[in-house]
Amino acid sequence: PLYLIPVAHEVRARITAWAQTREALRQIEAADTGLERRAGQVLSSPSGAHSDAGRELARLIEEATSLPSYYTMYCPVDLVPDLSACLACGAEPAVRVGPSGNRLRLCSGCRLAASE
């Protein structure tokens, strides 16, 4: 739970606001509104304000907890066909199986996790 992460109230507020934006983008992406492709592009882009903010928040959480923290990027096959290299820095990511059985590609350099 967020309240257990030893960070300042301002950081918790930023995490909450970022998560609300991500959820809104997911809902738009899932809806038939004509904006779903653009929302999917924002969620699956390794660069841009949403990704940069997510990776910055992951860095703050990692500093506070001393546990590896990653920004998990949405990677639909039609928008992100190749996950063999990190989408942000080009390094070779480590492959792990996530809790729901999906494969995660984790870049330890830029803390980006791409979910297949």
PDB file of N, CA and C in Angstrom:
ATOM      1  N   PRO A   1       0.825  -1.203   0.000  1.00  0.00           N
ATOM      2  CA  PRO A   1       0.000   0.000   0.000  1.00  0.00           C
ATOM      3  C   PRO A   1       0.867   1.264   0.000  1.00  0.00           C
ATOM      4  N   LEU A   2       0.382   2.269  -0.650  1.00  0.00           N
ATOM      5  CA  LEU A   2       1.114   3.521  -0.800  1.00  0.00           C
ATOM      6  C   LEU A   2       1.481   4.148   0.538  1.00  0.00           C
ATOM      7  N   TYR A   3       0.616   4.053   1.524  1.00  0.00           N
ATOM      8  CA  TYR A   3       0.888   4.712   2.793  1.00  0.00           C
ATOM      9  C   TYR A   3       2.086   4.098   3.531  1.00  0.00           C
ATOM     10  N   LEU A   4       2.514   2.891   3.146  1.00  0.00           N
ATOM     11  CA  LEU A   4       3.653   2.259   3.793  1.00  0.00           C
ATOM     12  C   LEU A   4       5.003   2.671   3.186  1.00  0.00           C
ATOM     13  N   ILE A   5       4.982   3.317   2.042  1.00  0.00           N
ATOM     14  CA  ILE A   5       6.228   3.741   1.406  1.00  0.00           C
ATOM     15  C   ILE A   5       6.722   4.986   2.126  1.00  0.00           C
ATOM     16  N   PRO A   6       7.955   4.945   2.631  1.00  0.00           N
ATOM     17  CA  PRO A   6       8.462   6.074   3.428  1.00  0.00           C
ATOM     18  C   PRO A   6       8.922   7.245   2.562  1.00  0.00           C
ATOM     19  N   VAL A   7       7.950   7.933   1.978  1.00  0.00           N
ATOM     20  CA  VAL A   7       8.238   9.112   1.163  1.00  0.00           C
ATOM     21  C   VAL A   7       7.414  10.288   1.687  1.00  0.00           C
ATOM     22  N   ALA A   8       7.781  11.469   1.258  1.00  0.00           N
ATOM     23  CA  ALA A   8       7.066  12.674   1.677  1.00  0.00           C
ATOM     24  C   ALA A   8       5.631  12.675   1.143  1.00  0.00           C
ATOM     25  N   HIS A   9       4.775  13.419   1.819  1.00  0.00           N
ATOM     26  CA  HIS A   9       3.370  13.531   1.401  1.00  0.00           C
ATOM     27  C   HIS A   9       3.270  14.012  -0.042  1.00  0.00           C
ATOM     28  N   GLU A  10       4.136  14.946  -0.436  1.00  0.00           N
ATOM     29  CA  GLU A  10       4.121  15.472  -1.810  1.00  0.00           C
ATOM     30  C   GLU A  10       4.370  14.347  -2.823  1.00  0.00           C
ATOM     31  N   VAL A  11       5.295  13.436  -2.503  1.00  0.00           N
ATOM     32  CA  VAL A  11       5.582  12.321  -3.415  1.00  0.00           C
ATOM     33  C   VAL A  11       4.376  11.382  -3.487  1.00  0.00           C
ATOM     34  N   ARG A  12       3.736  11.120  -2.356  1.00  0.00           N
ATOM     35  CA  ARG A  12       2.519  10.287  -2.373  1.00  0.00           C
ATOM     36  C   ARG A  12       1.434  10.925  -3.237  1.00  0.00           C
ATOM     37  N   ALA A  13       1.290  12.233  -3.137  1.00  0.00           N
ATOM     38  CA  ALA A  13       0.298  12.944  -3.949  1.00  0.00           C
ATOM     39  C   ALA A  13       0.638  12.833  -5.434  1.00  0.00           C
ATOM     40  N   ARG A  14       1.918  12.943  -5.772  1.00  0.00           N
ATOM     41  CA  ARG A  14       2.343  12.791  -7.172  1.00  0.00           C
ATOM     42  C   ARG A  14       2.083  11.374  -7.677  1.00  0.00           C
ATOM     43  N   ILE A  15       2.343  10.381  -6.837  1.00  0.00           N
ATOM     44  CA  ILE A  15       2.081   8.985  -7.227  1.00  0.00           C
ATOM     45  C   ILE A  15       0.593   8.782  -7.473  1.00  0.00           C
ATOM     46  N   THR A  16      -0.231   9.298  -6.587  1.00  0.00           N
ATOM     47  CA  THR A  16      -1.682   9.163  -6.728  1.00  0.00           C
ATOM     48  C   THR A  16      -2.180   9.844  -7.997  1.00  0.00           C
ATOM     49  N   ALA A  17      -1.711  11.065  -8.252  1.00  0.00           N
ATOM     50  CA  ALA A  17      -2.133  11.792  -9.458  1.00  0.00           C
ATOM     51  C   ALA A  17      -1.681  11.057 -10.715  1.00  0.00           C
ATOM     52  N   TRP A  18      -0.451  10.548 -10.709  1.00  0.00           N
ATOM     53  CA  TRP A  18       0.062   9.812 -11.862  1.00  0.00           C
ATOM     54  C   TRP A  18      -0.768   8.545 -12.099  1.00  0.00           C
ATOM     55  N   ALA A  19      -1.084   7.826 -11.030  1.00  0.00           N
ATOM     56  CA  ALA A  19      -1.874   6.595 -11.153  1.00  0.00           C
ATOM     57  C   ALA A  19      -3.280   6.900 -11.682  1.00  0.00           C
ATOM     58  N   GLN A  20      -3.868   8.002 -11.263  1.00  0.00           N
ATOM     59  CA  GLN A  20      -5.190   8.384 -11.761  1.00  0.00           C
ATOM     60  C   GLN A  20      -5.133   8.710 -13.250  1.00  0.00           C
ATOM     61  N   THR A  21      -4.087   9.393 -13.674  1.00  0.00           N
ATOM     62  CA  THR A  21      -3.911   9.681 -15.107  1.00  0.00           C
ATOM     63  C   THR A  21      -3.745   8.397 -15.892  1.00  0.00           C
ATOM     64  N   ARG A  22      -2.938   7.477 -15.378  1.00  0.00           N
ATOM     65  CA  ARG A  22      -2.722   6.191 -16.059  1.00  0.00           C
ATOM     66  C   ARG A  22      -4.038   5.428 -16.188  1.00  0.00           C
ATOM     67  N   GLU A  23      -4.835   5.412 -15.131  1.00  0.00           N
ATOM     68  CA  GLU A  23      -6.116   4.709 -15.176  1.00  0.00           C
ATOM     69  C   GLU A  23      -7.058   5.357 -16.182  1.00  0.00           C
ATOM     70  N   ALA A  24      -7.071   6.687 -16.231  1.00  0.00           N
ATOM     71  CA  ALA A  24      -7.914   7.381 -17.204  1.00  0.00           C
ATOM     72  C   ALA A  24      -7.476   7.036 -18.623  1.00  0.00           C
ATOM     73  N   LEU A  25      -6.168   6.997 -18.875  1.00  0.00           N
ATOM     74  CA  LEU A  25      -5.663   6.612 -20.196  1.00  0.00           C
ATOM     75  C   LEU A  25      -6.055   5.182 -20.538  1.00  0.00           C
ATOM     76  N   ARG A  26      -5.989   4.290 -19.559  1.00  0.00           N
ATOM     77  CA  ARG A  26      -6.399   2.887 -19.796  1.00  0.00           C
ATOM     78  C   ARG A  26      -7.882   2.798 -20.146  1.00  0.00           C
ATOM     79  N   GLN A  27      -8.708   3.582 -19.457  1.00  0.00           N
ATOM     80  CA  GLN A  27     -10.137   3.552 -19.755  1.00  0.00           C
ATOM     81  C   GLN A  27     -10.420   4.113 -21.138  1.00  0.00           C
ATOM     82  N   ILE A  28      -9.733   5.180 -21.510  1.00  0.00           N
ATOM     83  CA  ILE A  28      -9.901   5.742 -22.856  1.00  0.00           C
ATOM     84  C   ILE A  28      -9.429   4.739 -23.893  1.00  0.00           C
ATOM     85  N   GLU A  29      -8.297   4.080 -23.620  1.00  0.00           N
ATOM     86  CA  GLU A  29      -7.734   3.110 -24.553  1.00  0.00           C
ATOM     87  C   GLU A  29      -8.685   1.934 -24.761  1.00  0.00           C
ATOM     88  N   ALA A  30      -9.429   1.564 -23.735  1.00  0.00           N
ATOM     89  CA  ALA A  30     -10.350   0.433 -23.813  1.00  0.00           C
ATOM     90  C   ALA A  30     -11.703   0.816 -24.412  1.00  0.00           C
ATOM     91  N   ALA A  31     -12.029   2.097 -24.438  1.00  0.00           N
ATOM     92  CA  ALA A  31     -13.329   2.551 -24.928  1.00  0.00           C
ATOM     93  C   ALA A  31     -13.298   2.760 -26.441  1.00  0.00           C
ATOM     94  N   ASP A  32     -14.456   2.818 -27.020  1.00  0.00           N
ATOM     95  CA  ASP A  32     -14.581   3.058 -28.457  1.00  0.00           C
ATOM     96  C   ASP A  32     -14.938   4.526 -28.653  1.00  0.00           C
ATOM     97  N   THR A  33     -13.939   5.399 -28.436  1.00  0.00           N
ATOM     98  CA  THR A  33     -14.194   6.837 -28.472  1.00  0.00           C
ATOM     99  C   THR A  33     -13.502   7.543 -29.629  1.00  0.00           C
ATOM    100  N   GLY A  34     -12.651   6.839 -30.337  1.00  0.00           N
ATOM    101  CA  GLY A  34     -11.846   7.460 -31.363  1.00  0.00           C
ATOM    102  C   GLY A  34     -10.503   7.943 -30.823  1.00  0.00           C
ATOM    103  N   LEU A  35     -10.361   7.981 -29.511  1.00  0.00           N
ATOM    104  CA  LEU A  35      -9.114   8.402 -28.882  1.00  0.00           C
ATOM    105  C   LEU A  35      -8.293   7.221 -28.373  1.00  0.00           C
ATOM    106  N   GLU A  36      -8.832   6.007 -28.539  1.00  0.00           N
ATOM    107  CA  GLU A  36      -8.173   4.854 -27.935  1.00  0.00           C
ATOM    108  C   GLU A  36      -6.768   4.612 -28.475  1.00  0.00           C
ATOM    109  N   ARG A  37      -6.552   4.840 -29.761  1.00  0.00           N
ATOM    110  CA  ARG A  37      -5.215   4.629 -30.333  1.00  0.00           C
ATOM    111  C   ARG A  37      -4.217   5.618 -29.726  1.00  0.00           C
ATOM    112  N   ARG A  38      -4.609   6.890 -29.584  1.00  0.00           N
ATOM    113  CA  ARG A  38      -3.702   7.887 -28.998  1.00  0.00           C
ATOM    114  C   ARG A  38      -3.399   7.571 -27.536  1.00  0.00           C
ATOM    115  N   ALA A  39      -4.404   7.156 -26.776  1.00  0.00           N
ATOM    116  CA  ALA A  39      -4.167   6.785 -25.380  1.00  0.00           C
ATOM    117  C   ALA A  39      -3.213   5.598 -25.305  1.00  0.00           C
ATOM    118  N   GLY A  40      -3.394   4.618 -26.187  1.00  0.00           N
ATOM    119  CA  GLY A  40      -2.485   3.471 -26.234  1.00  0.00           C
ATOM    120  C   GLY A  40      -1.070   3.887 -26.568  1.00  0.00           C
ATOM    121  N   GLN A  41      -0.920   4.869 -27.448  1.00  0.00           N
ATOM    122  CA  GLN A  41       0.411   5.362 -27.799  1.00  0.00           C
ATOM    123  C   GLN A  41       1.081   6.045 -26.607  1.00  0.00           C
ATOM    124  N   VAL A  42       0.319   6.806 -25.840  1.00  0.00           N
ATOM    125  CA  VAL A  42       0.876   7.463 -24.652  1.00  0.00           C
ATOM    126  C   VAL A  42       1.324   6.412 -23.642  1.00  0.00           C
ATOM    127  N   LEU A  43       0.490   5.388 -23.420  1.00  0.00           N
ATOM    128  CA  LEU A  43       0.823   4.340 -22.459  1.00  0.00           C
ATOM    129  C   LEU A  43       1.992   3.474 -22.916  1.00  0.00           C
ATOM    130  N   SER A  44       2.191   3.332 -24.227  1.00  0.00           N
ATOM    131  CA  SER A  44       3.242   2.448 -24.734  1.00  0.00           C
ATOM    132  C   SER A  44       4.487   3.178 -25.204  1.00  0.00           C
ATOM    133  N   SER A  45       4.578   4.472 -24.939  1.00  0.00           N
ATOM    134  CA  SER A  45       5.750   5.246 -25.357  1.00  0.00           C
ATOM    135  C   SER A  45       6.803   5.236 -24.250  1.00  0.00           C
ATOM    136  N   PRO A  46       8.061   4.908 -24.595  1.00  0.00           N
ATOM    137  CA  PRO A  46       9.121   4.943 -23.583  1.00  0.00           C
ATOM    138  C   PRO A  46       9.607   6.357 -23.287  1.00  0.00           C
ATOM    139  N   SER A  47       9.148   7.320 -24.080  1.00  0.00           N
ATOM    140  CA  SER A  47       9.516   8.712 -23.834  1.00  0.00           C
ATOM    141  C   SER A  47       8.237   9.529 -23.763  1.00  0.00           C
ATOM    142  N   GLY A  48       8.341  10.693 -23.226  1.00  0.00           N
ATOM    143  CA  GLY A  48       7.157  11.526 -23.062  1.00  0.00           C
ATOM    144  C   GLY A  48       6.890  11.775 -21.594  1.00  0.00           C
ATOM    145  N   ALA A  49       5.994  12.688 -21.326  1.00  0.00           N
ATOM    146  CA  ALA A  49       5.739  13.140 -19.956  1.00  0.00           C
ATOM    147  C   ALA A  49       5.245  12.014 -19.047  1.00  0.00           C
ATOM    148  N   HIS A  50       4.350  11.154 -19.536  1.00  0.00           N
ATOM    149  CA  HIS A  50       3.800  10.098 -18.677  1.00  0.00           C
ATOM    150  C   HIS A  50       4.883   9.089 -18.291  1.00  0.00           C
ATOM    151  N   SER A  51       5.663   8.655 -19.249  1.00  0.00           N
ATOM    152  CA  SER A  51       6.750   7.712 -18.981  1.00  0.00           C
ATOM    153  C   SER A  51       7.821   8.332 -18.102  1.00  0.00           C
ATOM    154  N   ASP A  52       8.220   9.555 -18.413  1.00  0.00           N
ATOM    155  CA  ASP A  52       9.244  10.228 -17.615  1.00  0.00           C
ATOM    156  C   ASP A  52       8.803  10.371 -16.162  1.00  0.00           C
ATOM    157  N   ALA A  53       7.552  10.763 -15.956  1.00  0.00           N
ATOM    158  CA  ALA A  53       7.034  10.919 -14.588  1.00  0.00           C
ATOM    159  C   ALA A  53       6.981   9.575 -13.878  1.00  0.00           C
ATOM    160  N   GLY A  54       6.548   8.528 -14.584  1.00  0.00           N
ATOM    161  CA  GLY A  54       6.481   7.199 -13.978  1.00  0.00           C
ATOM    162  C   GLY A  54       7.846   6.680 -13.562  1.00  0.00           C
ATOM    163  N   ARG A  55       8.853   6.895 -14.411  1.00  0.00           N
ATOM    164  CA  ARG A  55      10.205   6.445 -14.064  1.00  0.00           C
ATOM    165  C   ARG A  55      10.801   7.286 -12.935  1.00  0.00           C
ATOM    166  N   GLU A  56      10.484   8.570 -12.899  1.00  0.00           N
ATOM    167  CA  GLU A  56      10.959   9.415 -11.798  1.00  0.00           C
ATOM    168  C   GLU A  56      10.329   8.962 -10.478  1.00  0.00           C
ATOM    169  N   LEU A  57       9.047   8.660 -10.485  1.00  0.00           N
ATOM    170  CA  LEU A  57       8.384   8.177  -9.270  1.00  0.00           C
ATOM    171  C   LEU A  57       8.943   6.825  -8.846  1.00  0.00           C
ATOM    172  N   ALA A  58       9.223   5.945  -9.805  1.00  0.00           N
ATOM    173  CA  ALA A  58       9.832   4.652  -9.477  1.00  0.00           C
ATOM    174  C   ALA A  58      11.199   4.871  -8.826  1.00  0.00           C
ATOM    175  N   ARG A  59      11.959   5.838  -9.336  1.00  0.00           N
ATOM    176  CA  ARG A  59      13.269   6.144  -8.754  1.00  0.00           C
ATOM    177  C   ARG A  59      13.123   6.622  -7.305  1.00  0.00           C
ATOM    178  N   LEU A  60      12.136   7.491  -7.041  1.00  0.00           N
ATOM    179  CA  LEU A  60      11.910   7.983  -5.675  1.00  0.00           C
ATOM    180  C   LEU A  60      11.500   6.853  -4.742  1.00  0.00           C
ATOM    181  N   ILE A  61      10.664   5.945  -5.236  1.00  0.00           N
ATOM    182  CA  ILE A  61      10.249   4.797  -4.423  1.00  0.00           C
ATOM    183  C   ILE A  61      11.445   3.901  -4.138  1.00  0.00           C
ATOM    184  N   GLU A  62      12.281   3.680  -5.152  1.00  0.00           N
ATOM    185  CA  GLU A  62      13.472   2.847  -4.965  1.00  0.00           C
ATOM    186  C   GLU A  62      14.423   3.469  -3.943  1.00  0.00           C
ATOM    187  N   GLU A  63      14.616   4.773  -4.010  1.00  0.00           N
ATOM    188  CA  GLU A  63      15.474   5.446  -3.031  1.00  0.00           C
ATOM    189  C   GLU A  63      14.923   5.302  -1.619  1.00  0.00           C
ATOM    190  N   ALA A  64      13.616   5.383  -1.478  1.00  0.00           N
ATOM    191  CA  ALA A  64      12.994   5.322  -0.154  1.00  0.00           C
ATOM    192  C   ALA A  64      12.974   3.909   0.423  1.00  0.00           C
ATOM    193  N   THR A  65      12.881   2.905  -0.440  1.00  0.00           N
ATOM    194  CA  THR A  65      12.723   1.531   0.043  1.00  0.00           C
ATOM    195  C   THR A  65      13.953   0.655  -0.136  1.00  0.00           C
ATOM    196  N   SER A  66      14.916   1.103  -0.925  1.00  0.00           N
ATOM    197  CA  SER A  66      16.094   0.303  -1.283  1.00  0.00           C
ATOM    198  C   SER A  66      15.716  -0.980  -2.010  1.00  0.00           C
ATOM    199  N   LEU A  67      14.565  -0.975  -2.665  1.00  0.00           N
ATOM    200  CA  LEU A  67      14.097  -2.109  -3.466  1.00  0.00           C
ATOM    201  C   LEU A  67      14.022  -1.676  -4.923  1.00  0.00           C
ATOM    202  N   PRO A  68      14.426  -2.548  -5.852  1.00  0.00           N
ATOM    203  CA  PRO A  68      14.321  -2.187  -7.266  1.00  0.00           C
ATOM    204  C   PRO A  68      12.875  -1.833  -7.627  1.00  0.00           C
ATOM    205  N   SER A  69      12.693  -0.694  -8.271  1.00  0.00           N
ATOM    206  CA  SER A  69      11.359  -0.253  -8.681  1.00  0.00           C
ATOM    207  C   SER A  69      11.426   0.133 -10.150  1.00  0.00           C
ATOM    208  N   TYR A  70      10.421  -0.272 -10.895  1.00  0.00           N
ATOM    209  CA  TYR A  70      10.401  -0.057 -12.337  1.00  0.00           C
ATOM    210  C   TYR A  70       9.117   0.649 -12.754  1.00  0.00           C
ATOM    211  N   TYR A  71       9.213   1.382 -13.846  1.00  0.00           N
ATOM    212  CA  TYR A  71       8.027   1.908 -14.519  1.00  0.00           C
ATOM    213  C   TYR A  71       7.603   0.826 -15.502  1.00  0.00           C
ATOM    214  N   THR A  72       6.406   0.285 -15.346  1.00  0.00           N
ATOM    215  CA  THR A  72       5.928  -0.759 -16.237  1.00  0.00           C
ATOM    216  C   THR A  72       5.160  -0.128 -17.376  1.00  0.00           C
ATOM    217  N   MET A  73       5.669  -0.350 -18.569  1.00  0.00           N
ATOM    218  CA  MET A  73       5.095   0.230 -19.773  1.00  0.00           C
ATOM    219  C   MET A  73       4.133  -0.756 -20.427  1.00  0.00           C
ATOM    220  N   TYR A  74       3.036  -0.252 -20.907  1.00  0.00           N
ATOM    221  CA  TYR A  74       2.031  -1.009 -21.636  1.00  0.00           C
ATOM    222  C   TYR A  74       2.567  -1.282 -23.037  1.00  0.00           C
ATOM    223  N   CYS A  75       2.588  -2.534 -23.471  1.00  0.00           N
ATOM    224  CA  CYS A  75       3.202  -2.890 -24.756  1.00  0.00           C
ATOM    225  C   CYS A  75       2.296  -3.770 -25.617  1.00  0.00           C
ATOM    226  N   PRO A  76       1.239  -3.224 -26.203  1.00  0.00           N
ATOM    227  CA  PRO A  76       0.433  -4.036 -27.111  1.00  0.00           C
ATOM    228  C   PRO A  76       1.238  -4.349 -28.374  1.00  0.00           C
ATOM    229  N   VAL A  77       1.085  -5.563 -28.891  1.00  0.00           N
ATOM    230  CA  VAL A  77       1.882  -6.023 -30.022  1.00  0.00           C
ATOM    231  C   VAL A  77       1.726  -5.117 -31.239  1.00  0.00           C
ATOM    232  N   ASP A  78       0.537  -4.559 -31.458  1.00  0.00           N
ATOM    233  CA  ASP A  78       0.355  -3.704 -32.639  1.00  0.00           C
ATOM    234  C   ASP A  78       1.087  -2.362 -32.526  1.00  0.00           C
ATOM    235  N   LEU A  79       1.399  -1.920 -31.313  1.00  0.00           N
ATOM    236  CA  LEU A  79       2.116  -0.657 -31.130  1.00  0.00           C
ATOM    237  C   LEU A  79       3.597  -0.860 -30.828  1.00  0.00           C
ATOM    238  N   VAL A  80       3.944  -1.973 -30.195  1.00  0.00           N
ATOM    239  CA  VAL A  80       5.330  -2.256 -29.807  1.00  0.00           C
ATOM    240  C   VAL A  80       5.672  -3.681 -30.227  1.00  0.00           C
ATOM    241  N   PRO A  81       6.037  -3.878 -31.507  1.00  0.00           N
ATOM    242  CA  PRO A  81       6.236  -5.237 -32.005  1.00  0.00           C
ATOM    243  C   PRO A  81       7.513  -5.924 -31.534  1.00  0.00           C
ATOM    244  N   ASP A  82       8.556  -5.174 -31.136  1.00  0.00           N
ATOM    245  CA  ASP A  82       9.836  -5.786 -30.799  1.00  0.00           C
ATOM    246  C   ASP A  82      10.271  -5.377 -29.402  1.00  0.00           C
ATOM    247  N   LEU A  83      10.378  -6.360 -28.507  1.00  0.00           N
ATOM    248  CA  LEU A  83      10.805  -6.087 -27.140  1.00  0.00           C
ATOM    249  C   LEU A  83      12.165  -6.722 -26.840  1.00  0.00           C
ATOM    250  N   SER A  84      12.961  -7.014 -27.867  1.00  0.00           N
ATOM    251  CA  SER A  84      14.244  -7.672 -27.651  1.00  0.00           C
ATOM    252  C   SER A  84      15.283  -6.733 -27.036  1.00  0.00           C
ATOM    253  N   ALA A  85      15.078  -5.438 -27.160  1.00  0.00           N
ATOM    254  CA  ALA A  85      15.959  -4.448 -26.543  1.00  0.00           C
ATOM    255  C   ALA A  85      15.089  -3.468 -25.761  1.00  0.00           C
ATOM    256  N   CYS A  86      15.691  -2.819 -24.771  1.00  0.00           N
ATOM    257  CA  CYS A  86      14.966  -1.817 -23.994  1.00  0.00           C
ATOM    258  C   CYS A  86      14.491  -0.723 -24.945  1.00  0.00           C
ATOM    259  N   LEU A  87      13.247  -0.363 -24.822  1.00  0.00           N
ATOM    260  CA  LEU A  87      12.664   0.637 -25.708  1.00  0.00           C
ATOM    261  C   LEU A  87      13.155   2.051 -25.421  1.00  0.00           C
ATOM    262  N   ALA A  88      13.722   2.270 -24.245  1.00  0.00           N
ATOM    263  CA  ALA A  88      14.194   3.611 -23.897  1.00  0.00           C
ATOM    264  C   ALA A  88      15.686   3.795 -24.195  1.00  0.00           C
ATOM    265  N   CYS A  89      16.507   2.793 -23.834  1.00  0.00           N
ATOM    266  CA  CYS A  89      17.953   2.986 -23.970  1.00  0.00           C
ATOM    267  C   CYS A  89      18.628   1.991 -24.912  1.00  0.00           C
ATOM    268  N   GLY A  90      17.919   0.944 -25.342  1.00  0.00           N
ATOM    269  CA  GLY A  90      18.475  -0.023 -26.278  1.00  0.00           C
ATOM    270  C   GLY A  90      19.244  -1.170 -25.649  1.00  0.00           C
ATOM    271  N   ALA A  91      19.414  -1.165 -24.331  1.00  0.00           N
ATOM    272  CA  ALA A  91      20.136  -2.246 -23.652  1.00  0.00           C
ATOM    273  C   ALA A  91      19.334  -3.541 -23.705  1.00  0.00           C
ATOM    274  N   GLU A  92      20.002  -4.659 -23.474  1.00  0.00           N
ATOM    275  CA  GLU A  92      19.306  -5.943 -23.445  1.00  0.00           C
ATOM    276  C   GLU A  92      18.646  -6.119 -22.082  1.00  0.00           C
ATOM    277  N   PRO A  93      17.328  -6.253 -22.051  1.00  0.00           N
ATOM    278  CA  PRO A  93      16.638  -6.381 -20.759  1.00  0.00           C
ATOM    279  C   PRO A  93      16.672  -7.814 -20.238  1.00  0.00           C
ATOM    280  N   ALA A  94      16.575  -7.953 -18.930  1.00  0.00           N
ATOM    281  CA  ALA A  94      16.415  -9.266 -18.307  1.00  0.00           C
ATOM    282  C   ALA A  94      14.955  -9.670 -18.461  1.00  0.00           C
ATOM    283  N   VAL A  95      14.696 -10.957 -18.648  1.00  0.00           N
ATOM    284  CA  VAL A  95      13.324 -11.440 -18.811  1.00  0.00           C
ATOM    285  C   VAL A  95      12.920 -12.185 -17.551  1.00  0.00           C
ATOM    286  N   ARG A  96      11.801 -11.795 -16.981  1.00  0.00           N
ATOM    287  CA  ARG A  96      11.241 -12.435 -15.781  1.00  0.00           C
ATOM    288  C   ARG A  96       9.769 -12.702 -16.025  1.00  0.00           C
ATOM    289  N   VAL A  97       9.216 -13.653 -15.277  1.00  0.00           N
ATOM    290  CA  VAL A  97       7.792 -13.931 -15.346  1.00  0.00           C
ATOM    291  C   VAL A  97       7.126 -13.196 -14.193  1.00  0.00           C
ATOM    292  N   GLY A  98       6.124 -12.377 -14.525  1.00  0.00           N
ATOM    293  CA  GLY A  98       5.424 -11.590 -13.526  1.00  0.00           C
ATOM    294  C   GLY A  98       4.434 -12.416 -12.739  1.00  0.00           C
ATOM    295  N   PRO A  99       3.826 -11.830 -11.704  1.00  0.00           N
ATOM    296  CA  PRO A  99       2.893 -12.549 -10.838  1.00  0.00           C
ATOM    297  C   PRO A  99       1.669 -13.096 -11.570  1.00  0.00           C
ATOM    298  N   SER A 100       1.263 -12.439 -12.662  1.00  0.00           N
ATOM    299  CA  SER A 100       0.093 -12.921 -13.396  1.00  0.00           C
ATOM    300  C   SER A 100       0.486 -13.855 -14.542  1.00  0.00           C
ATOM    301  N   GLY A 101       1.778 -14.223 -14.619  1.00  0.00           N
ATOM    302  CA  GLY A 101       2.233 -15.146 -15.649  1.00  0.00           C
ATOM    303  C   GLY A 101       2.726 -14.481 -16.915  1.00  0.00           C
ATOM    304  N   ASN A 102       2.601 -13.164 -17.001  1.00  0.00           N
ATOM    305  CA  ASN A 102       3.088 -12.467 -18.192  1.00  0.00           C
ATOM    306  C   ASN A 102       4.601 -12.276 -18.098  1.00  0.00           C
ATOM    307  N   ARG A 103       5.234 -12.179 -19.248  1.00  0.00           N
ATOM    308  CA  ARG A 103       6.683 -11.975 -19.277  1.00  0.00           C
ATOM    309  C   ARG A 103       6.997 -10.488 -19.166  1.00  0.00           C
ATOM    310  N   LEU A 104       7.943 -10.175 -18.289  1.00  0.00           N
ATOM    311  CA  LEU A 104       8.392  -8.798 -18.101  1.00  0.00           C
ATOM    312  C   LEU A 104       9.829  -8.689 -18.593  1.00  0.00           C
ATOM    313  N   ARG A 105      10.098  -7.649 -19.341  1.00  0.00           N
ATOM    314  CA  ARG A 105      11.467  -7.354 -19.760  1.00  0.00           C
ATOM    315  C   ARG A 105      11.921  -6.153 -18.947  1.00  0.00           C
ATOM    316  N   LEU A 106      12.911  -6.386 -18.079  1.00  0.00           N
ATOM    317  CA  LEU A 106      13.339  -5.387 -17.108  1.00  0.00           C
ATOM    318  C   LEU A 106      14.699  -4.804 -17.487  1.00  0.00           C
ATOM    319  N   CYS A 107      14.761  -3.509 -17.665  1.00  0.00           N
ATOM    320  CA  CYS A 107      16.017  -2.826 -17.934  1.00  0.00           C
ATOM    321  C   CYS A 107      16.523  -2.228 -16.627  1.00  0.00           C
ATOM    322  N   SER A 108      17.637  -2.740 -16.153  1.00  0.00           N
ATOM    323  CA  SER A 108      18.165  -2.234 -14.879  1.00  0.00           C
ATOM    324  C   SER A 108      18.779  -0.849 -15.029  1.00  0.00           C
ATOM    325  N   GLY A 109      19.153  -0.457 -16.234  1.00  0.00           N
ATOM    326  CA  GLY A 109      19.753   0.852 -16.452  1.00  0.00           C
ATOM    327  C   GLY A 109      18.771   1.998 -16.319  1.00  0.00           C
ATOM    328  N   CYS A 110      17.654   1.912 -17.017  1.00  0.00           N
ATOM    329  CA  CYS A 110      16.709   3.033 -16.983  1.00  0.00           C
ATOM    330  C   CYS A 110      15.439   2.697 -16.203  1.00  0.00           C
ATOM    331  N   ARG A 111      15.394   1.511 -15.592  1.00  0.00           N
ATOM    332  CA  ARG A 111      14.268   1.082 -14.743  1.00  0.00           C
ATOM    333  C   ARG A 111      12.946   1.049 -15.499  1.00  0.00           C
ATOM    334  N   LEU A 112      13.001   0.589 -16.753  1.00  0.00           N
ATOM    335  CA  LEU A 112      11.795   0.417 -17.553  1.00  0.00           C
ATOM    336  C   LEU A 112      11.448  -1.061 -17.586  1.00  0.00           C
ATOM    337  N   ALA A 113      10.209  -1.400 -17.319  1.00  0.00           N
ATOM    338  CA  ALA A 113       9.723  -2.767 -17.431  1.00  0.00           C
ATOM    339  C   ALA A 113       8.692  -2.794 -18.553  1.00  0.00           C
ATOM    340  N   ALA A 114       8.918  -3.637 -19.539  1.00  0.00           N
ATOM    341  CA  ALA A 114       7.974  -3.788 -20.620  1.00  0.00           C
ATOM    342  C   ALA A 114       7.246  -5.107 -20.441  1.00  0.00           C
ATOM    343  N   SER A 115       5.952  -5.045 -20.376  1.00  0.00           N
ATOM    344  CA  SER A 115       5.121  -6.220 -20.160  1.00  0.00           C
ATOM    345  C   SER A 115       4.592  -6.733 -21.491  1.00  0.00           C
ATOM    346  N   GLU A 116       4.786  -8.020 -21.734  1.00  0.00           N
ATOM    347  CA  GLU A 116       4.295  -8.626 -22.977  1.00  0.00           C
ATOM    348  C   GLU A 116       2.865  -9.090 -22.806  1.00  0.00           C
TER     349      GLU A 116
END
